[in-house]
N, C-alpha and C. Protein backbone atom coordinates (compact mmCIF):
# COMPACT_ATOMS: atom_id res chain seq x y z
N MET A 1 18.28 -1.27 5.77
CA MET A 1 18.17 0.16 5.39
C MET A 1 19.46 0.64 5.31
N LYS A 2 19.89 1.62 4.79
CA LYS A 2 20.62 2.64 4.26
C LYS A 2 20.86 4.02 3.63
N ARG A 3 21.37 4.90 4.54
CA ARG A 3 21.03 6.36 4.30
C ARG A 3 22.59 6.32 2.22
N THR A 4 21.20 6.94 1.57
CA THR A 4 21.92 7.32 0.42
C THR A 4 22.67 8.47 0.38
N GLY A 5 22.49 9.74 1.26
CA GLY A 5 23.59 10.76 1.48
C GLY A 5 22.74 11.83 0.52
N ARG A 6 21.23 11.37 -0.22
CA ARG A 6 20.83 11.99 -1.27
C ARG A 6 19.50 13.09 -0.46
N SER A 7 19.36 14.23 -0.56
CA SER A 7 18.40 15.15 0.38
C SER A 7 17.10 15.02 -0.70
N VAL A 8 16.35 15.11 -0.49
CA VAL A 8 15.09 15.89 -1.28
C VAL A 8 14.44 17.21 -0.85
N TYR A 9 14.11 17.55 -1.02
CA TYR A 9 13.55 19.07 -1.21
C TYR A 9 11.89 19.53 -2.09
N LEU A 10 11.36 19.77 -1.17
CA LEU A 10 9.79 19.36 -1.17
C LEU A 10 9.35 21.42 -1.27
N SER A 11 8.66 21.75 -2.15
CA SER A 11 8.63 23.13 -2.82
C SER A 11 6.87 23.09 -3.22
N GLY A 12 6.42 23.53 -2.76
CA GLY A 12 4.95 24.02 -3.64
C GLY A 12 3.65 24.77 -3.18
N GLU A 13 2.47 24.53 -3.33
CA GLU A 13 1.45 25.00 -3.49
C GLU A 13 0.62 24.59 -3.72
N VAL A 14 -0.52 24.05 -3.10
CA VAL A 14 -1.96 23.64 -3.67
C VAL A 14 -2.93 23.98 -3.54
N SER A 15 -4.02 23.86 -3.87
CA SER A 15 -5.25 24.95 -3.01
C SER A 15 -6.85 23.74 -3.87
N PHE A 16 -7.96 24.02 -3.42
CA PHE A 16 -8.77 23.30 -3.57
C PHE A 16 -9.40 23.08 -4.88
N ALA A 17 -9.28 23.54 -5.67
CA ALA A 17 -9.25 24.21 -7.40
C ALA A 17 -9.00 22.83 -8.31
N GLU A 18 -7.23 22.61 -7.65
CA GLU A 18 -6.71 21.93 -8.24
C GLU A 18 -6.49 20.23 -7.27
N SER A 19 -7.45 20.24 -5.75
CA SER A 19 -7.49 19.04 -4.64
C SER A 19 -7.76 17.70 -5.41
N HIS A 20 -7.29 16.87 -5.40
CA HIS A 20 -7.55 15.44 -5.65
C HIS A 20 -9.06 15.08 -5.32
N ALA A 21 -9.53 15.14 -3.70
CA ALA A 21 -10.30 14.40 -2.78
C ALA A 21 -10.77 15.71 -1.97
N SER A 22 -12.06 16.01 -1.61
CA SER A 22 -12.19 16.85 -0.22
C SER A 22 -13.22 16.36 0.24
N LEU A 23 -13.64 16.89 1.21
CA LEU A 23 -14.84 16.90 2.52
C LEU A 23 -15.34 17.78 2.87
N ASN A 24 -17.17 17.65 1.72
CA ASN A 24 -17.79 18.41 2.13
C ASN A 24 -17.41 19.98 2.20
N GLY A 25 -16.08 20.79 1.82
CA GLY A 25 -15.61 22.03 1.86
C GLY A 25 -14.78 22.01 2.96
N GLN A 26 -14.88 21.48 3.62
CA GLN A 26 -13.93 21.34 5.05
C GLN A 26 -12.73 21.48 5.12
N THR A 27 -12.32 19.53 4.22
CA THR A 27 -11.06 19.71 4.46
C THR A 27 -10.63 19.29 3.01
N TYR A 28 -9.68 19.26 2.26
CA TYR A 28 -9.03 18.73 0.69
C TYR A 28 -7.56 18.21 1.16
N PHE A 29 -7.38 17.06 0.10
CA PHE A 29 -6.58 16.44 -0.43
C PHE A 29 -5.76 15.78 -1.03
N GLN A 30 -4.72 17.01 -1.80
CA GLN A 30 -4.00 16.54 -3.21
C GLN A 30 -2.43 15.91 -2.81
N ASN A 31 -2.40 14.91 -4.05
CA ASN A 31 -1.32 13.70 -3.60
C ASN A 31 0.07 15.30 -4.25
N ILE A 32 0.98 15.35 -3.52
CA ILE A 32 2.37 16.16 -4.04
C ILE A 32 3.66 15.73 -4.45
N LEU A 33 4.10 14.12 -4.43
CA LEU A 33 4.92 13.39 -4.78
C LEU A 33 5.06 11.94 -4.93
N VAL A 34 5.06 11.58 -5.99
CA VAL A 34 5.19 10.28 -6.86
C VAL A 34 6.35 9.99 -7.05
N ASP A 35 7.15 8.66 -6.43
CA ASP A 35 8.34 7.64 -7.10
C ASP A 35 8.33 6.39 -6.17
N GLU A 36 7.38 6.28 -7.90
CA GLU A 36 7.41 4.39 -7.92
C GLU A 36 8.44 3.61 -8.02
N ARG A 37 10.38 3.69 -7.70
CA ARG A 37 11.09 3.85 -8.07
C ARG A 37 10.77 1.81 -6.41
N ARG A 38 11.22 0.85 -7.39
CA ARG A 38 11.43 0.25 -5.67
C ARG A 38 12.87 -0.02 -4.57
N GLY A 39 13.01 -0.60 -3.53
CA GLY A 39 14.39 -0.40 -3.59
C GLY A 39 14.65 0.99 -2.50
N TYR A 40 13.61 1.99 -2.02
CA TYR A 40 13.86 3.83 -1.81
C TYR A 40 13.21 4.03 -1.17
N ALA A 41 13.48 4.80 -0.13
CA ALA A 41 11.98 4.57 0.71
C ALA A 41 13.01 6.67 1.54
N TYR A 42 11.52 6.92 1.57
CA TYR A 42 12.26 8.61 2.59
C TYR A 42 11.64 9.32 3.63
N LYS A 43 12.56 9.08 4.51
CA LYS A 43 12.43 9.22 5.84
C LYS A 43 11.69 10.95 5.97
N VAL A 44 10.97 12.21 6.18
CA VAL A 44 10.36 12.99 6.74
C VAL A 44 11.59 13.99 7.71
N THR A 45 12.12 14.95 7.17
CA THR A 45 12.88 15.45 8.50
C THR A 45 12.79 16.63 8.73
N PHE A 46 11.86 17.56 7.61
CA PHE A 46 11.32 19.13 8.13
C PHE A 46 9.91 19.17 7.82
N VAL A 47 9.55 19.72 8.27
CA VAL A 47 8.27 20.45 7.64
C VAL A 47 7.61 21.61 7.64
N SER A 48 7.20 22.67 6.92
CA SER A 48 6.76 23.54 7.06
C SER A 48 5.84 24.61 5.58
N ALA A 49 5.43 25.77 6.19
CA ALA A 49 4.96 26.32 5.83
C ALA A 49 5.79 27.09 4.69
N PHE A 50 5.49 27.52 3.44
CA PHE A 50 6.40 27.96 2.75
C PHE A 50 5.75 29.42 3.02
N PRO A 51 6.90 30.89 4.02
CA PRO A 51 6.07 32.04 4.68
C PRO A 51 6.32 32.64 2.72
N GLN A 52 5.12 33.51 2.70
CA GLN A 52 4.52 34.73 2.27
C GLN A 52 5.55 35.66 2.79
N VAL A 53 6.74 36.12 2.71
CA VAL A 53 7.55 36.94 2.54
C VAL A 53 7.59 38.84 2.44
N THR A 54 6.27 38.56 0.81
CA THR A 54 5.77 39.99 0.62
C THR A 54 4.21 40.61 0.83
N ILE A 55 3.91 39.99 1.32
CA ILE A 55 2.17 39.95 2.30
C ILE A 55 2.06 38.59 3.36
N PRO A 56 2.63 39.03 4.51
CA PRO A 56 3.17 38.04 5.69
C PRO A 56 1.63 37.64 5.97
N LEU A 57 0.34 37.69 6.09
CA LEU A 57 -0.22 37.62 7.31
C LEU A 57 -1.67 37.27 5.88
N THR A 58 -1.41 36.82 4.97
CA THR A 58 -2.13 36.86 4.10
C THR A 58 -2.65 35.14 4.38
N PRO A 59 -3.45 34.61 3.96
CA PRO A 59 -3.95 32.71 4.53
C PRO A 59 -3.75 32.21 3.67
N MET A 60 -1.83 32.19 3.26
CA MET A 60 -1.82 31.13 2.43
C MET A 60 -1.42 29.90 3.23
N ASN A 61 -1.17 29.70 4.42
CA ASN A 61 -0.78 29.40 5.46
C ASN A 61 -1.93 28.58 5.90
N MET A 62 -2.20 27.87 5.61
CA MET A 62 -3.25 27.14 5.70
C MET A 62 -2.90 25.36 6.79
N PRO A 63 -3.12 25.36 7.70
CA PRO A 63 -2.86 24.11 8.47
C PRO A 63 -2.78 22.95 7.44
N PHE A 64 -1.62 21.90 7.10
CA PHE A 64 -1.94 20.86 6.91
C PHE A 64 -1.61 19.20 7.09
N ALA A 65 -1.52 17.87 7.07
CA ALA A 65 -1.23 17.22 7.33
C ALA A 65 -0.75 16.12 6.34
N LEU A 66 0.70 15.74 6.36
CA LEU A 66 1.61 15.64 5.67
C LEU A 66 1.26 13.39 5.77
N GLN A 67 0.56 13.15 4.81
CA GLN A 67 0.46 11.91 4.30
C GLN A 67 0.55 10.59 3.02
N SER A 68 1.10 9.26 4.07
CA SER A 68 1.57 8.86 2.98
C SER A 68 0.97 8.26 1.44
N PHE A 69 -0.26 9.46 1.35
CA PHE A 69 -1.54 8.41 -0.15
C PHE A 69 -1.12 8.90 -1.91
N SER A 70 -1.09 8.16 -2.73
CA SER A 70 -1.33 8.61 -3.89
C SER A 70 -2.24 8.39 -4.03
N ARG A 71 -2.40 9.04 -5.27
CA ARG A 71 -3.48 10.12 -6.45
C ARG A 71 -4.59 9.41 -6.27
N ARG A 72 -4.31 8.09 -7.02
CA ARG A 72 -5.51 6.84 -7.17
C ARG A 72 -5.95 6.75 -6.24
N GLU A 73 -6.56 6.14 -4.59
CA GLU A 73 -6.01 6.32 -3.35
C GLU A 73 -6.86 7.39 -3.61
N LEU A 74 -6.76 8.88 -3.15
CA LEU A 74 -7.53 9.51 -2.93
C LEU A 74 -8.44 10.02 -3.79
N LEU A 75 -8.42 9.24 -5.29
CA LEU A 75 -9.43 10.35 -6.20
C LEU A 75 -10.35 8.70 -5.65
N ARG A 76 -10.41 7.31 -4.73
CA ARG A 76 -10.90 6.26 -4.66
C ARG A 76 -11.99 5.82 -3.65
N MET A 77 -11.27 7.20 -2.62
CA MET A 77 -11.54 7.28 -1.40
C MET A 77 -13.12 7.61 -1.23
N SER A 78 -13.73 6.95 -0.31
CA SER A 78 -15.37 7.26 0.26
C SER A 78 -15.50 8.25 1.18
N ASP A 79 -16.45 8.77 1.38
CA ASP A 79 -16.51 9.69 2.08
C ASP A 79 -16.33 9.18 3.48
N ALA A 80 -16.63 8.40 4.03
CA ALA A 80 -16.94 7.49 5.39
C ALA A 80 -14.37 8.37 5.12
N GLU A 81 -14.27 7.95 4.73
CA GLU A 81 -12.83 6.88 4.28
C GLU A 81 -11.95 8.68 4.17
N LEU A 82 -12.35 9.11 3.67
CA LEU A 82 -12.27 11.20 3.93
C LEU A 82 -11.59 11.39 5.17
N GLU A 83 -13.44 10.82 6.10
CA GLU A 83 -13.35 12.12 7.19
C GLU A 83 -13.00 11.12 7.50
N LEU A 84 -11.92 10.03 8.02
CA LEU A 84 -11.27 9.36 9.45
C LEU A 84 -9.88 9.59 8.86
N TYR A 85 -9.66 9.66 7.24
CA TYR A 85 -8.10 10.23 7.63
C TYR A 85 -8.18 11.53 7.22
N CYS A 86 -9.02 12.93 7.67
CA CYS A 86 -8.64 13.64 8.14
C CYS A 86 -8.89 13.94 9.49
N GLY A 87 -9.23 12.96 10.28
CA GLY A 87 -9.19 14.09 11.21
C GLY A 87 -10.56 13.35 11.81
N ARG A 88 -11.17 13.61 11.10
CA ARG A 88 -13.00 14.39 11.67
C ARG A 88 -13.97 13.37 12.33
N ARG A 89 -13.12 12.26 12.66
CA ARG A 89 -14.21 10.60 12.82
C ARG A 89 -13.62 10.88 14.63
N ALA A 90 -12.19 11.71 15.55
CA ALA A 90 -12.15 11.71 16.19
C ALA A 90 -13.29 11.70 17.18
N ASN A 91 -14.01 12.49 16.90
CA ASN A 91 -15.18 12.30 17.96
C ASN A 91 -16.08 12.15 17.85
N LEU A 92 -15.77 11.09 17.32
CA LEU A 92 -16.73 9.97 17.40
C LEU A 92 -16.19 8.52 17.60
N GLY A 93 -15.16 8.47 17.66
CA GLY A 93 -15.03 7.03 18.38
C GLY A 93 -14.12 6.52 17.05
N GLY A 94 -14.03 7.80 16.05
CA GLY A 94 -13.53 7.05 14.78
C GLY A 94 -11.25 7.36 14.86
N GLY A 95 -10.68 7.14 14.25
CA GLY A 95 -9.17 7.09 13.36
C GLY A 95 -9.12 8.99 13.97
N SER A 96 -8.25 9.11 14.93
CA SER A 96 -7.21 10.96 14.86
C SER A 96 -6.17 10.93 14.19
N LEU A 97 -5.84 11.71 13.12
CA LEU A 97 -4.44 11.90 12.87
C LEU A 97 -3.26 11.14 12.83
N ALA A 98 -3.52 11.26 14.71
CA ALA A 98 -2.38 11.06 15.60
C ALA A 98 -2.14 9.25 15.59
N ALA A 99 -3.65 9.08 15.30
CA ALA A 99 -3.84 7.52 15.27
C ALA A 99 -3.09 6.83 13.79
N ASN A 100 -3.58 7.55 13.08
CA ASN A 100 -3.40 6.68 11.64
C ASN A 100 -2.27 7.07 10.98
N ASN A 101 -1.80 5.82 10.46
CA ASN A 101 -0.50 5.45 10.40
C ASN A 101 0.17 5.88 9.09
N ARG A 102 -1.05 6.67 8.30
CA ARG A 102 -0.29 7.88 6.84
C ARG A 102 -0.16 8.25 7.05
N THR A 103 -0.62 9.19 8.12
CA THR A 103 -0.30 9.97 8.65
C THR A 103 1.43 10.43 9.44
N ILE A 104 2.17 11.20 8.44
CA ILE A 104 3.83 11.13 8.91
C ILE A 104 4.02 12.32 9.81
N ALA A 105 3.22 13.77 9.59
CA ALA A 105 3.54 14.86 10.22
C ALA A 105 2.32 15.68 10.03
N ILE A 106 2.16 16.61 10.59
CA ILE A 106 1.77 17.97 10.83
C ILE A 106 1.71 19.11 10.29
N TYR A 107 2.07 19.35 10.01
CA TYR A 107 2.61 21.31 10.19
C TYR A 107 0.62 22.57 10.71
N GLY A 108 0.85 23.56 11.41
CA GLY A 108 0.34 24.45 11.88
C GLY A 108 -0.63 24.19 13.10
N PHE A 109 -1.87 24.92 13.61
CA PHE A 109 -2.18 24.62 14.54
C PHE A 109 -3.50 25.08 14.10
N GLY A 110 -4.17 25.00 15.21
CA GLY A 110 -6.01 25.10 14.37
C GLY A 110 -5.87 27.20 15.02
N GLY A 111 -7.30 27.28 14.29
CA GLY A 111 -7.88 28.43 14.18
C GLY A 111 -7.20 30.11 12.91
N GLU A 112 -7.88 30.55 12.69
CA GLU A 112 -7.64 31.38 11.53
C GLU A 112 -6.29 32.17 11.39
N ARG A 113 -6.14 33.83 12.86
CA ARG A 113 -4.89 33.07 12.76
C ARG A 113 -4.50 33.14 12.98
N ALA A 114 -4.33 32.16 13.81
CA ALA A 114 -2.93 31.38 14.48
C ALA A 114 -1.99 30.66 12.98
N SER A 115 -2.75 30.10 12.29
CA SER A 115 -2.28 29.21 10.94
C SER A 115 -1.45 30.44 9.91
N THR A 116 -1.86 31.67 10.13
CA THR A 116 -1.61 32.67 9.33
C THR A 116 -0.33 33.09 9.90
N GLU A 117 -0.30 33.03 11.17
CA GLU A 117 0.91 33.84 11.70
C GLU A 117 1.89 33.52 13.03
N CYS A 118 1.32 31.89 12.59
CA CYS A 118 2.73 31.02 13.63
C CYS A 118 3.85 31.48 12.93
N ASN A 119 5.21 30.09 13.89
CA ASN A 119 5.81 30.75 13.70
C ASN A 119 6.43 29.14 12.23
N TYR A 120 7.31 29.50 11.55
CA TYR A 120 6.91 28.69 10.19
C TYR A 120 8.25 27.69 10.65
N GLN A 121 9.26 28.17 11.87
CA GLN A 121 10.09 26.76 11.97
C GLN A 121 9.82 25.74 13.33
N ASN A 122 8.79 25.98 13.97
CA ASN A 122 9.04 24.95 14.96
C ASN A 122 6.85 24.43 15.41
N GLN A 123 6.31 24.90 14.42
CA GLN A 123 4.71 23.88 14.64
C GLN A 123 4.95 23.26 13.22
N TYR A 124 5.07 22.17 14.10
CA TYR A 124 5.04 20.65 13.16
C TYR A 124 5.17 19.26 14.25
N VAL A 125 4.58 18.56 13.75
CA VAL A 125 5.58 17.42 14.95
C VAL A 125 5.62 16.42 13.40
N ILE A 126 6.48 15.23 13.66
CA ILE A 126 7.03 14.50 12.49
C ILE A 126 6.71 13.01 13.19
N LYS A 127 6.32 12.69 12.80
CA LYS A 127 6.50 10.62 13.28
C LYS A 127 7.85 10.56 13.23
N GLY A 128 8.48 9.81 14.17
CA GLY A 128 9.89 9.44 14.25
C GLY A 128 10.36 8.45 13.61
N ASP A 129 9.42 7.28 13.26
CA ASP A 129 9.60 6.67 12.51
C ASP A 129 8.66 5.94 11.58
N ALA A 130 7.95 7.01 11.07
CA ALA A 130 7.43 7.23 9.70
C ALA A 130 8.47 7.37 8.93
N MET A 131 8.04 5.86 8.20
CA MET A 131 8.62 7.01 6.45
C MET A 131 7.66 6.22 5.21
N VAL A 132 8.67 6.89 4.13
CA VAL A 132 7.40 6.98 2.78
C VAL A 132 7.99 6.19 2.00
N THR A 133 7.20 4.99 1.38
CA THR A 133 7.65 4.81 0.59
C THR A 133 6.90 4.71 -1.22
N GLN A 134 6.56 5.27 -1.31
CA GLN A 134 6.18 6.06 -2.89
C GLN A 134 5.18 7.05 -3.25
N SER A 135 4.22 7.74 -2.26
CA SER A 135 3.27 8.75 -2.16
C SER A 135 3.99 9.70 -1.04
N LEU A 136 3.29 10.64 -1.32
CA LEU A 136 3.18 12.16 -0.25
C LEU A 136 1.56 12.42 -0.94
N SER A 137 1.07 13.23 0.14
CA SER A 137 -0.25 14.12 -0.10
C SER A 137 -0.17 14.83 1.40
N LEU A 138 -0.73 15.97 0.92
CA LEU A 138 -1.08 16.57 2.12
C LEU A 138 -3.12 16.76 1.90
N CYS A 139 -2.92 17.53 3.16
CA CYS A 139 -4.10 16.87 3.88
C CYS A 139 -5.06 18.58 4.51
N VAL A 140 -5.52 19.19 4.00
CA VAL A 140 -5.53 20.52 3.99
C VAL A 140 -7.02 20.90 4.99
N ASP A 141 -6.93 21.34 6.32
CA ASP A 141 -7.73 22.09 6.67
C ASP A 141 -8.34 23.69 6.26
N MET A 142 -9.47 23.88 5.84
CA MET A 142 -9.94 25.14 5.25
C MET A 142 -10.46 26.46 6.20
N GLU A 143 -10.08 25.14 7.44
CA GLU A 143 -10.74 26.18 8.56
C GLU A 143 -12.34 26.94 8.04
N THR A 144 -12.59 28.39 8.34
CA THR A 144 -13.10 29.37 8.17
C THR A 144 -12.85 29.82 6.92
N LEU A 145 -12.56 29.48 5.89
CA LEU A 145 -11.94 30.75 4.77
C LEU A 145 -11.91 30.20 4.25
N GLY A 146 -12.80 29.04 3.63
CA GLY A 146 -13.59 28.91 2.22
C GLY A 146 -12.73 27.97 1.61
N GLN A 147 -12.95 27.73 0.56
CA GLN A 147 -12.34 27.10 -1.17
C GLN A 147 -11.53 28.22 -1.27
N SER A 148 -12.13 29.46 -1.70
CA SER A 148 -11.16 30.75 -2.57
C SER A 148 -10.00 30.60 -2.29
N ALA A 149 -9.90 30.85 -0.54
CA ALA A 149 -9.31 31.13 0.49
C ALA A 149 -8.20 30.22 0.77
N SER A 150 -8.49 28.91 0.44
CA SER A 150 -7.74 27.79 1.52
C SER A 150 -6.01 27.08 0.81
N THR A 151 -5.53 28.78 0.21
CA THR A 151 -4.61 28.17 -0.84
C THR A 151 -3.14 27.05 0.69
N ALA A 152 -2.61 26.44 0.19
CA ALA A 152 -1.65 26.19 1.01
C ALA A 152 -0.37 26.05 1.05
N THR A 153 0.75 26.92 1.12
CA THR A 153 1.95 26.32 0.72
C THR A 153 2.80 25.31 1.42
N TYR A 154 4.19 24.85 1.20
CA TYR A 154 4.46 23.15 2.18
C TYR A 154 6.27 23.99 1.81
N TYR A 155 6.98 23.08 2.41
CA TYR A 155 8.41 22.67 2.15
C TYR A 155 8.54 21.73 3.00
N ILE A 156 8.73 20.73 2.26
CA ILE A 156 8.79 19.47 3.05
C ILE A 156 10.98 19.07 2.89
N GLU A 157 11.79 18.74 3.56
CA GLU A 157 12.73 17.99 3.67
C GLU A 157 12.85 16.68 3.71
N LEU A 158 13.75 16.01 2.58
CA LEU A 158 13.59 14.64 3.11
C LEU A 158 14.88 13.35 3.00
N GLU A 159 14.90 13.33 3.97
CA GLU A 159 16.36 12.02 3.46
C GLU A 159 15.57 10.27 3.02
N GLU A 160 16.38 10.30 1.88
CA GLU A 160 16.45 9.15 0.73
C GLU A 160 17.09 7.78 1.27
N TYR A 161 16.65 7.09 1.56
CA TYR A 161 17.78 5.59 1.80
C TYR A 161 17.23 4.17 0.74
N GLU A 162 18.34 3.64 1.02
CA GLU A 162 17.95 2.07 0.22
C GLU A 162 17.65 1.38 0.81
N VAL A 163 16.48 0.53 0.50
CA VAL A 163 15.52 0.01 1.38
C VAL A 163 15.72 -1.79 0.65
N THR A 164 16.18 -2.76 1.19
CA THR A 164 15.86 -4.19 0.48
C THR A 164 14.60 -5.14 -0.17
N SER A 165 14.33 -5.95 -0.43
CA SER A 165 12.93 -5.79 -1.26
C SER A 165 12.46 -5.87 0.45
N ASP A 166 12.36 -6.81 0.83
CA ASP A 166 11.97 -7.19 2.46
C ASP A 166 11.27 -5.89 3.40
N GLU A 167 12.53 -4.58 2.99
CA GLU A 167 12.37 -3.67 4.12
C GLU A 167 11.43 -3.41 3.91
N GLU A 168 11.65 -2.98 2.27
CA GLU A 168 9.92 -2.43 1.78
C GLU A 168 8.95 -2.84 1.72
N ILE A 169 8.56 -3.91 1.73
CA ILE A 169 7.14 -4.46 2.10
C ILE A 169 7.00 -4.43 3.55
N MET A 170 7.36 -4.30 4.82
CA MET A 170 7.48 -4.39 5.99
C MET A 170 7.42 -3.07 5.80
N LEU A 171 7.38 -1.97 5.39
CA LEU A 171 7.67 -0.81 5.49
C LEU A 171 6.26 -0.40 4.46
N ILE A 172 5.69 -0.93 3.41
CA ILE A 172 4.38 -0.29 3.74
C ILE A 172 3.32 -1.40 4.40
N LEU A 173 3.61 -2.62 4.07
CA LEU A 173 2.65 -3.30 5.32
C LEU A 173 2.72 -2.41 6.41
N ALA A 174 3.16 -1.41 7.49
CA ALA A 174 3.22 -0.42 8.76
C ALA A 174 2.34 0.01 8.33
N GLU A 175 2.86 1.16 7.27
CA GLU A 175 2.54 2.61 6.14
C GLU A 175 0.83 2.34 6.74
N ARG A 176 0.02 1.19 6.35
CA ARG A 176 -0.83 0.52 5.57
C ARG A 176 -1.94 -0.06 6.51
N ALA A 177 -1.30 -0.28 7.51
CA ALA A 177 -1.33 -1.11 9.00
C ALA A 177 -3.20 -0.81 9.47
N GLY A 178 -3.48 1.08 9.56
CA GLY A 178 -4.21 1.18 9.96
C GLY A 178 -5.56 1.15 8.97
N ASP A 179 -5.39 1.23 7.65
CA ASP A 179 -6.48 1.52 6.66
C ASP A 179 -8.08 1.46 7.09
N ALA A 180 -8.42 0.36 7.58
CA ALA A 180 -9.74 -0.16 7.44
C ALA A 180 -9.92 0.83 9.19
N ALA A 181 -9.58 0.63 10.04
CA ALA A 181 -9.72 1.58 11.10
C ALA A 181 -11.12 2.24 11.56
N GLY A 182 -11.72 1.83 12.02
CA GLY A 182 -13.06 2.95 12.24
C GLY A 182 -14.13 2.73 11.07
N LEU A 183 -13.70 2.49 10.58
CA LEU A 183 -15.09 2.38 9.10
C LEU A 183 -16.38 1.46 9.45
N ALA A 184 -16.19 0.23 10.08
CA ALA A 184 -17.18 -0.69 10.15
C ALA A 184 -18.58 0.44 11.47
N ASP A 185 -19.42 0.32 10.91
CA ASP A 185 -20.53 0.95 12.12
C ASP A 185 -21.21 -0.25 13.11
């Protein structure tokens, strides 16, 4: 693995209306990056909401998980898989976001007021060994604001790496290792 020196900066806004998958009006998933070039991978170095400086207390900064799902994967997921991947099965003996290999980072924390007023620069966690090979998506918690007020903004920094075919295969396998965890009853 060799760092190319290129950095990628992603920013934007996602909403329930444009989501690729959703779970019972509590959580929605939306793909934000697709890079199917072979021989490249990305390391996430920073995750934040993109602040609304003109209206700082608007509910535009919903908590989210940064995950490595493609749009196609999101569209094919069953409700049980969506529930598992958003961490809602943790209290039922299923997977949590922390144990899910597809979760790369988390931004924000619980509670409506907390998510709209938190410090943009330090309310995130990134798995240090996680690498992105092809896709990034957001899993957004709508909390109690409902679908119309559940817009999330994001700002993400990535470092690009050149990887060999063998390294790329190993990264993809590591990324998908926990896909079926907790689905069997």
